[in-house]
């Protein structure tokens, strides 16, 4: 089943992009999108925002 998704664009400082690629090189994430989704999910959870869809 496909998930509902949206495309989000962001401008980042070059140093931030380089730091993200260092994280990617560790092998923990497949790509920038995977990394950003995980970081955003963790931030929202820490804020008590529930992303679970209700049936």
PDB file of N, CA and C in Angstrom:
ATOM      1  N   UNK A   1       0.844  -1.176   0.000  1.00  0.00           N
ATOM      2  CA  UNK A   1       0.000   0.000   0.000  1.00  0.00           C
ATOM      3  C   UNK A   1       0.891   1.242   0.000  1.00  0.00           C
ATOM      4  N   UNK A   2       0.560   2.217  -0.858  1.00  0.00           N
ATOM      5  CA  UNK A   2       1.318   3.463  -0.930  1.00  0.00           C
ATOM      6  C   UNK A   2       0.874   4.413   0.161  1.00  0.00           C
ATOM      7  N   UNK A   3       1.830   5.131   0.705  1.00  0.00           N
ATOM      8  CA  UNK A   3       1.516   6.139   1.714  1.00  0.00           C
ATOM      9  C   UNK A   3       1.239   7.463   1.033  1.00  0.00           C
ATOM     10  N   UNK A   4       0.412   8.281   1.666  1.00  0.00           N
ATOM     11  CA  UNK A   4       0.229   9.643   1.186  1.00  0.00           C
ATOM     12  C   UNK A   4       1.500  10.409   1.497  1.00  0.00           C
ATOM     13  N   UNK A   5       2.041  11.103   0.500  1.00  0.00           N
ATOM     14  CA  UNK A   5       3.271  11.859   0.706  1.00  0.00           C
ATOM     15  C   UNK A   5       3.156  13.229   0.069  1.00  0.00           C
ATOM     16  N   UNK A   6       4.034  14.118   0.479  1.00  0.00           N
ATOM     17  CA  UNK A   6       4.134  15.453  -0.098  1.00  0.00           C
ATOM     18  C   UNK A   6       5.609  15.774  -0.277  1.00  0.00           C
ATOM     19  N   UNK A   7       5.906  16.581  -1.271  1.00  0.00           N
ATOM     20  CA  UNK A   7       7.281  17.008  -1.513  1.00  0.00           C
ATOM     21  C   UNK A   7       7.501  18.335  -0.806  1.00  0.00           C
ATOM     22  N   UNK A   8       8.619  18.420  -0.070  1.00  0.00           N
ATOM     23  CA  UNK A   8       8.976  19.644   0.643  1.00  0.00           C
ATOM     24  C   UNK A   8      10.398  20.005   0.230  1.00  0.00           C
ATOM     25  N   UNK A   9      10.602  21.247  -0.186  1.00  0.00           N
ATOM     26  CA  UNK A   9      11.938  21.720  -0.559  1.00  0.00           C
ATOM     27  C   UNK A   9      12.464  22.643   0.521  1.00  0.00           C
ATOM     28  N   UNK A  10      13.766  22.590   0.759  1.00  0.00           N
ATOM     29  CA  UNK A  10      14.371  23.459   1.770  1.00  0.00           C
ATOM     30  C   UNK A  10      15.768  23.863   1.317  1.00  0.00           C
ATOM     31  N   UNK A  11      16.144  25.074   1.646  1.00  0.00           N
ATOM     32  CA  UNK A  11      17.510  25.546   1.397  1.00  0.00           C
ATOM     33  C   UNK A  11      18.302  25.367   2.682  1.00  0.00           C
ATOM     34  N   UNK A  12      19.494  24.797   2.547  1.00  0.00           N
ATOM     35  CA  UNK A  12      20.357  24.555   3.699  1.00  0.00           C
ATOM     36  C   UNK A  12      21.726  25.167   3.443  1.00  0.00           C
ATOM     37  N   UNK A  13      22.381  25.611   4.498  1.00  0.00           N
ATOM     38  CA  UNK A  13      23.764  26.059   4.333  1.00  0.00           C
ATOM     39  C   UNK A  13      24.624  24.889   3.827  1.00  0.00           C
ATOM     40  N   UNK A  14      25.635  25.207   3.035  1.00  0.00           N
ATOM     41  CA  UNK A  14      26.523  24.180   2.487  1.00  0.00           C
ATOM     42  C   UNK A  14      27.120  23.316   3.595  1.00  0.00           C
ATOM     43  N   UNK A  15      27.512  23.931   4.704  1.00  0.00           N
ATOM     44  CA  UNK A  15      28.102  23.171   5.813  1.00  0.00           C
ATOM     45  C   UNK A  15      27.109  22.158   6.379  1.00  0.00           C
ATOM     46  N   UNK A  16      25.833  22.526   6.425  1.00  0.00           N
ATOM     47  CA  UNK A  16      24.807  21.594   6.904  1.00  0.00           C
ATOM     48  C   UNK A  16      24.683  20.415   5.953  1.00  0.00           C
ATOM     49  N   UNK A  17      24.672  20.695   4.659  1.00  0.00           N
ATOM     50  CA  UNK A  17      24.587  19.621   3.665  1.00  0.00           C
ATOM     51  C   UNK A  17      25.787  18.686   3.795  1.00  0.00           C
ATOM     52  N   UNK A  18      26.975  19.244   3.974  1.00  0.00           N
ATOM     53  CA  UNK A  18      28.170  18.414   4.137  1.00  0.00           C
ATOM     54  C   UNK A  18      28.056  17.534   5.382  1.00  0.00           C
ATOM     55  N   UNK A  19      27.541  18.102   6.466  1.00  0.00           N
ATOM     56  CA  UNK A  19      27.373  17.339   7.703  1.00  0.00           C
ATOM     57  C   UNK A  19      26.366  16.204   7.509  1.00  0.00           C
ATOM     58  N   UNK A  20      25.297  16.477   6.770  1.00  0.00           N
ATOM     59  CA  UNK A  20      24.298  15.438   6.495  1.00  0.00           C
ATOM     60  C   UNK A  20      24.936  14.303   5.703  1.00  0.00           C
ATOM     61  N   UNK A  21      25.763  14.635   4.719  1.00  0.00           N
ATOM     62  CA  UNK A  21      26.423  13.583   3.939  1.00  0.00           C
ATOM     63  C   UNK A  21      27.380  12.760   4.796  1.00  0.00           C
ATOM     64  N   UNK A  22      27.964  13.365   5.814  1.00  0.00           N
ATOM     65  CA  UNK A  22      28.796  12.592   6.741  1.00  0.00           C
ATOM     66  C   UNK A  22      27.939  11.563   7.479  1.00  0.00           C
ATOM     67  N   UNK A  23      26.738  11.974   7.870  1.00  0.00           N
ATOM     68  CA  UNK A  23      25.814  11.041   8.526  1.00  0.00           C
ATOM     69  C   UNK A  23      25.438   9.925   7.551  1.00  0.00           C
ATOM     70  N   UNK A  24      25.146  10.289   6.297  1.00  0.00           N
ATOM     71  CA  UNK A  24      24.778   9.284   5.299  1.00  0.00           C
ATOM     72  C   UNK A  24      25.925   8.306   5.056  1.00  0.00           C
ATOM     73  N   UNK A  25      27.143   8.815   5.046  1.00  0.00           N
ATOM     74  CA  UNK A  25      28.310   7.955   4.824  1.00  0.00           C
ATOM     75  C   UNK A  25      28.485   6.917   5.929  1.00  0.00           C
ATOM     76  N   UNK A  26      27.891   7.163   7.089  1.00  0.00           N
ATOM     77  CA  UNK A  26      27.975   6.194   8.187  1.00  0.00           C
ATOM     78  C   UNK A  26      27.164   4.940   7.879  1.00  0.00           C
ATOM     79  N   UNK A  27      26.259   5.039   6.891  1.00  0.00           N
ATOM     80  CA  UNK A  27      25.445   3.895   6.501  1.00  0.00           C
ATOM     81  C   UNK A  27      24.153   3.750   7.281  1.00  0.00           C
ATOM     82  N   UNK A  28      23.901   4.670   8.201  1.00  0.00           N
ATOM     83  CA  UNK A  28      22.699   4.579   9.018  1.00  0.00           C
ATOM     84  C   UNK A  28      21.437   4.921   8.221  1.00  0.00           C
ATOM     85  N   UNK A  29      21.582   5.796   7.230  1.00  0.00           N
ATOM     86  CA  UNK A  29      20.448   6.217   6.398  1.00  0.00           C
ATOM     87  C   UNK A  29      20.778   5.979   4.929  1.00  0.00           C
ATOM     88  N   UNK A  30      19.733   5.729   4.124  1.00  0.00           N
ATOM     89  CA  UNK A  30      19.911   5.459   2.699  1.00  0.00           C
ATOM     90  C   UNK A  30      20.149   6.730   1.894  1.00  0.00           C
ATOM     91  N   UNK A  31      19.454   7.796   2.259  1.00  0.00           N
ATOM     92  CA  UNK A  31      19.543   9.049   1.515  1.00  0.00           C
ATOM     93  C   UNK A  31      19.064  10.201   2.396  1.00  0.00           C
ATOM     94  N   UNK A  32      19.144  11.415   1.859  1.00  0.00           N
ATOM     95  CA  UNK A  32      18.759  12.596   2.641  1.00  0.00           C
ATOM     96  C   UNK A  32      17.292  12.521   3.047  1.00  0.00           C
ATOM     97  N   UNK A  33      16.432  12.081   2.153  1.00  0.00           N
ATOM     98  CA  UNK A  33      15.001  11.991   2.484  1.00  0.00           C
ATOM     99  C   UNK A  33      14.769  11.069   3.673  1.00  0.00           C
ATOM    100  N   UNK A  34      15.424   9.929   3.664  1.00  0.00           N
ATOM    101  CA  UNK A  34      15.287   8.968   4.767  1.00  0.00           C
ATOM    102  C   UNK A  34      15.745   9.604   6.080  1.00  0.00           C
ATOM    103  N   UNK A  35      16.875  10.301   6.033  1.00  0.00           N
ATOM    104  CA  UNK A  35      17.415  10.979   7.214  1.00  0.00           C
ATOM    105  C   UNK A  35      16.443  12.049   7.721  1.00  0.00           C
ATOM    106  N   UNK A  36      15.974  12.908   6.825  1.00  0.00           N
ATOM    107  CA  UNK A  36      15.084  13.995   7.245  1.00  0.00           C
ATOM    108  C   UNK A  36      13.755  13.475   7.786  1.00  0.00           C
ATOM    109  N   UNK A  37      13.190  12.448   7.160  1.00  0.00           N
ATOM    110  CA  UNK A  37      11.938  11.870   7.679  1.00  0.00           C
ATOM    111  C   UNK A  37      12.126  11.372   9.105  1.00  0.00           C
ATOM    112  N   UNK A  38      13.264  10.716   9.371  1.00  0.00           N
ATOM    113  CA  UNK A  38      13.520  10.186  10.707  1.00  0.00           C
ATOM    114  C   UNK A  38      13.697  11.315  11.722  1.00  0.00           C
ATOM    115  N   UNK A  39      14.464  12.331  11.362  1.00  0.00           N
ATOM    116  CA  UNK A  39      14.693  13.463  12.266  1.00  0.00           C
ATOM    117  C   UNK A  39      13.378  14.187  12.565  1.00  0.00           C
ATOM    118  N   UNK A  40      12.574  14.419  11.539  1.00  0.00           N
ATOM    119  CA  UNK A  40      11.288  15.103  11.732  1.00  0.00           C
ATOM    120  C   UNK A  40      10.358  14.262  12.600  1.00  0.00           C
ATOM    121  N   UNK A  41      10.300  12.951  12.331  1.00  0.00           N
ATOM    122  CA  UNK A  41       9.443  12.063  13.129  1.00  0.00           C
ATOM    123  C   UNK A  41       9.853  12.100  14.598  1.00  0.00           C
ATOM    124  N   UNK A  42      11.164  12.016  14.860  1.00  0.00           N
ATOM    125  CA  UNK A  42      11.653  12.050  16.241  1.00  0.00           C
ATOM    126  C   UNK A  42      11.324  13.381  16.916  1.00  0.00           C
ATOM    127  N   UNK A  43      11.459  14.474  16.189  1.00  0.00           N
ATOM    128  CA  UNK A  43      11.141  15.790  16.752  1.00  0.00           C
ATOM    129  C   UNK A  43       9.656  15.891  17.093  1.00  0.00           C
ATOM    130  N   UNK A  44       8.803  15.446  16.182  1.00  0.00           N
ATOM    131  CA  UNK A  44       7.361  15.512  16.432  1.00  0.00           C
ATOM    132  C   UNK A  44       6.967  14.628  17.617  1.00  0.00           C
ATOM    133  N   UNK A  45       7.554  13.439  17.707  1.00  0.00           N
ATOM    134  CA  UNK A  45       7.275  12.561  18.852  1.00  0.00           C
ATOM    135  C   UNK A  45       7.700  13.224  20.158  1.00  0.00           C
ATOM    136  N   UNK A  46       8.866  13.871  20.155  1.00  0.00           N
ATOM    137  CA  UNK A  46       9.357  14.548  21.360  1.00  0.00           C
ATOM    138  C   UNK A  46       8.418  15.678  21.779  1.00  0.00           C
ATOM    139  N   UNK A  47       7.728  16.257  20.814  1.00  0.00           N
ATOM    140  CA  UNK A  47       6.778  17.337  21.099  1.00  0.00           C
ATOM    141  C   UNK A  47       5.387  16.808  21.446  1.00  0.00           C
ATOM    142  N   UNK A  48       5.239  15.488  21.428  1.00  0.00           N
ATOM    143  CA  UNK A  48       3.956  14.887  21.770  1.00  0.00           C
ATOM    144  C   UNK A  48       2.948  14.916  20.639  1.00  0.00           C
ATOM    145  N   UNK A  49       3.432  15.094  19.419  1.00  0.00           N
ATOM    146  CA  UNK A  49       2.544  15.126  18.254  1.00  0.00           C
ATOM    147  C   UNK A  49       2.460  13.719  17.680  1.00  0.00           C
ATOM    148  N   UNK A  50       1.249  13.171  17.643  1.00  0.00           N
ATOM    149  CA  UNK A  50       1.010  11.808  17.190  1.00  0.00           C
ATOM    150  C   UNK A  50       0.699  11.808  15.699  1.00  0.00           C
ATOM    151  N   UNK A  51       1.471  11.052  14.925  1.00  0.00           N
ATOM    152  CA  UNK A  51       1.257  10.976  13.481  1.00  0.00           C
ATOM    153  C   UNK A  51       0.459   9.747  13.062  1.00  0.00           C
ATOM    154  N   UNK A  52       0.054   8.937  14.020  1.00  0.00           N
ATOM    155  CA  UNK A  52      -0.711   7.737  13.697  1.00  0.00           C
ATOM    156  C   UNK A  52      -2.032   8.125  13.052  1.00  0.00           C
ATOM    157  N   UNK A  53      -2.342   7.438  11.945  1.00  0.00           N
ATOM    158  CA  UNK A  53      -3.627   7.675  11.281  1.00  0.00           C
ATOM    159  C   UNK A  53      -4.710   6.905  12.023  1.00  0.00           C
ATOM    160  N   UNK A  54      -5.842   7.524  12.216  1.00  0.00           N
ATOM    161  CA  UNK A  54      -6.964   6.810  12.830  1.00  0.00           C
ATOM    162  C   UNK A  54      -7.747   6.103  11.743  1.00  0.00           C
ATOM    163  N   UNK A  55      -8.233   4.901  12.045  1.00  0.00           N
ATOM    164  CA  UNK A  55      -8.952   4.094  11.049  1.00  0.00           C
ATOM    165  C   UNK A  55     -10.402   4.451  11.005  1.00  0.00           C
TER     166      UNK A  55
END
